[in-house]
Structure formats: structure tokens, C-alpha cells
N, C-alpha and C. Protein backbone atom coordinates (compact mmCIF):
# COMPACT_ATOMS: atom_id res chain seq x y z
N MET A 1 0.95 -1.33 0.23
CA MET A 1 -0.28 0.16 0.32
C MET A 1 0.90 1.22 0.30
N GLY A 2 1.82 1.31 1.08
CA GLY A 2 2.92 2.57 0.95
C GLY A 2 3.16 2.81 -0.32
N SER A 3 3.93 1.73 -1.20
CA SER A 3 4.86 1.89 -1.97
C SER A 3 4.29 2.42 -3.33
N SER A 4 2.28 1.74 -3.09
CA SER A 4 1.57 2.21 -4.32
C SER A 4 1.72 3.38 -4.12
N LEU A 5 1.30 4.35 -2.86
CA LEU A 5 0.58 5.62 -2.76
C LEU A 5 1.79 6.19 -2.99
N LYS A 6 3.02 5.99 -2.81
CA LYS A 6 4.29 6.59 -3.38
C LYS A 6 4.25 7.09 -4.76
N LEU A 7 3.94 6.08 -5.39
CA LEU A 7 4.13 5.97 -6.83
C LEU A 7 3.02 7.01 -7.16
N LEU A 8 1.97 6.79 -6.38
CA LEU A 8 0.66 8.02 -7.13
C LEU A 8 1.21 9.05 -6.77
N TYR A 9 1.76 9.59 -5.39
CA TYR A 9 2.35 11.17 -5.61
C TYR A 9 3.46 11.13 -6.56
N HIS A 10 4.41 10.31 -6.78
CA HIS A 10 5.30 10.71 -7.69
C HIS A 10 4.74 11.38 -9.06
N CYS A 11 3.67 10.25 -9.57
CA CYS A 11 3.21 10.33 -10.87
C CYS A 11 2.09 12.13 -11.06
N PHE A 12 1.69 12.18 -9.74
CA PHE A 12 0.81 13.38 -9.57
C PHE A 12 1.68 14.75 -9.23
N PHE A 13 3.15 14.87 -8.68
CA PHE A 13 3.69 15.63 -8.98
C PHE A 13 4.18 16.01 -10.42
N ARG A 14 4.68 14.68 -11.11
CA ARG A 14 5.21 14.86 -12.58
C ARG A 14 4.25 16.05 -13.09
N TYR A 15 2.64 15.55 -13.08
CA TYR A 15 1.51 15.86 -13.53
C TYR A 15 2.17 17.67 -13.29
N VAL A 16 1.53 17.83 -12.06
CA VAL A 16 1.81 19.29 -11.84
C VAL A 16 2.96 20.23 -12.18
N ALA A 17 4.04 19.48 -12.52
CA ALA A 17 5.36 20.07 -13.52
C ALA A 17 5.04 20.51 -14.16
N ILE A 18 4.58 19.68 -14.76
CA ILE A 18 4.15 19.93 -16.34
C ILE A 18 3.23 20.87 -16.60
N ILE A 19 1.87 20.93 -15.81
CA ILE A 19 1.01 22.15 -15.53
C ILE A 19 1.59 23.04 -15.60
N MET A 20 2.12 23.02 -14.72
CA MET A 20 3.01 24.37 -14.09
C MET A 20 3.94 25.19 -15.46
N ASN A 21 4.27 24.51 -16.45
CA ASN A 21 4.81 25.43 -17.42
C ASN A 21 3.75 25.40 -18.44
N CYS A 22 2.38 25.06 -18.76
CA CYS A 22 1.38 25.54 -19.20
C CYS A 22 0.77 26.31 -19.23
N ASP A 23 -0.22 26.03 -17.82
CA ASP A 23 -0.90 26.45 -17.26
C ASP A 23 -1.16 26.73 -15.78
N VAL A 24 -0.70 27.95 -15.14
CA VAL A 24 -0.78 28.41 -13.26
C VAL A 24 -2.47 28.19 -13.04
N SER A 25 -3.36 28.44 -13.79
CA SER A 25 -4.83 28.26 -13.07
C SER A 25 -5.01 27.19 -13.06
N ILE A 26 -4.65 26.34 -14.06
CA ILE A 26 -4.99 24.55 -13.78
C ILE A 26 -4.11 23.94 -12.63
N LEU A 27 -2.91 25.00 -12.20
CA LEU A 27 -2.27 24.39 -10.96
C LEU A 27 -3.30 24.22 -9.52
N TYR A 28 -4.13 25.34 -9.73
CA TYR A 28 -4.42 26.28 -8.27
C TYR A 28 -5.97 25.11 -8.56
N GLN A 29 -6.57 24.30 -9.71
CA GLN A 29 -7.80 24.11 -9.65
C GLN A 29 -7.33 22.08 -8.79
N ALA A 30 -5.89 22.23 -9.81
CA ALA A 30 -5.49 20.94 -9.01
C ALA A 30 -5.03 20.98 -6.86
N ALA A 31 -4.57 21.69 -7.05
CA ALA A 31 -4.86 22.47 -5.67
C ALA A 31 -6.16 22.23 -4.78
N TYR A 32 -7.01 22.63 -5.30
CA TYR A 32 -8.33 22.63 -4.65
C TYR A 32 -9.23 21.63 -4.45
N PHE A 33 -8.57 20.57 -5.88
CA PHE A 33 -9.14 19.16 -5.95
C PHE A 33 -8.21 18.14 -4.64
N SER A 34 -7.08 18.81 -4.56
CA SER A 34 -6.58 17.68 -3.56
C SER A 34 -6.77 18.05 -2.06
N ARG A 35 -7.34 19.32 -2.07
CA ARG A 35 -7.70 19.62 -1.02
C ARG A 35 -9.73 18.54 -0.47
N LEU A 36 -10.18 18.46 -1.61
CA LEU A 36 -11.54 17.64 -1.46
C LEU A 36 -11.15 15.84 -1.24
N VAL A 37 -9.92 15.26 -1.30
CA VAL A 37 -9.64 14.09 -1.45
C VAL A 37 -8.93 14.19 -0.35
């Protein structure tokens, strides 16, 4: 469980890094979504 969760976070942060280069507003949406989870 712990290892899969680490992989999930790794993929999420890579996705966020890509989004940051494209559109910062989407980053705010991701932050809002992470607060819901």
C-alpha cells in the first residue's frame, strides 16, 4: 500500500510540474481538488 501510494504521489507531482509549465490556473484547480480528497 505504501509503495503504491508513493508511486501515485510521484506521478501526481510530475503531472503538476508539467501543468505549471503550461497554465498556472490549472495548478490552482489541482490544489483545490487535492483539498477535496
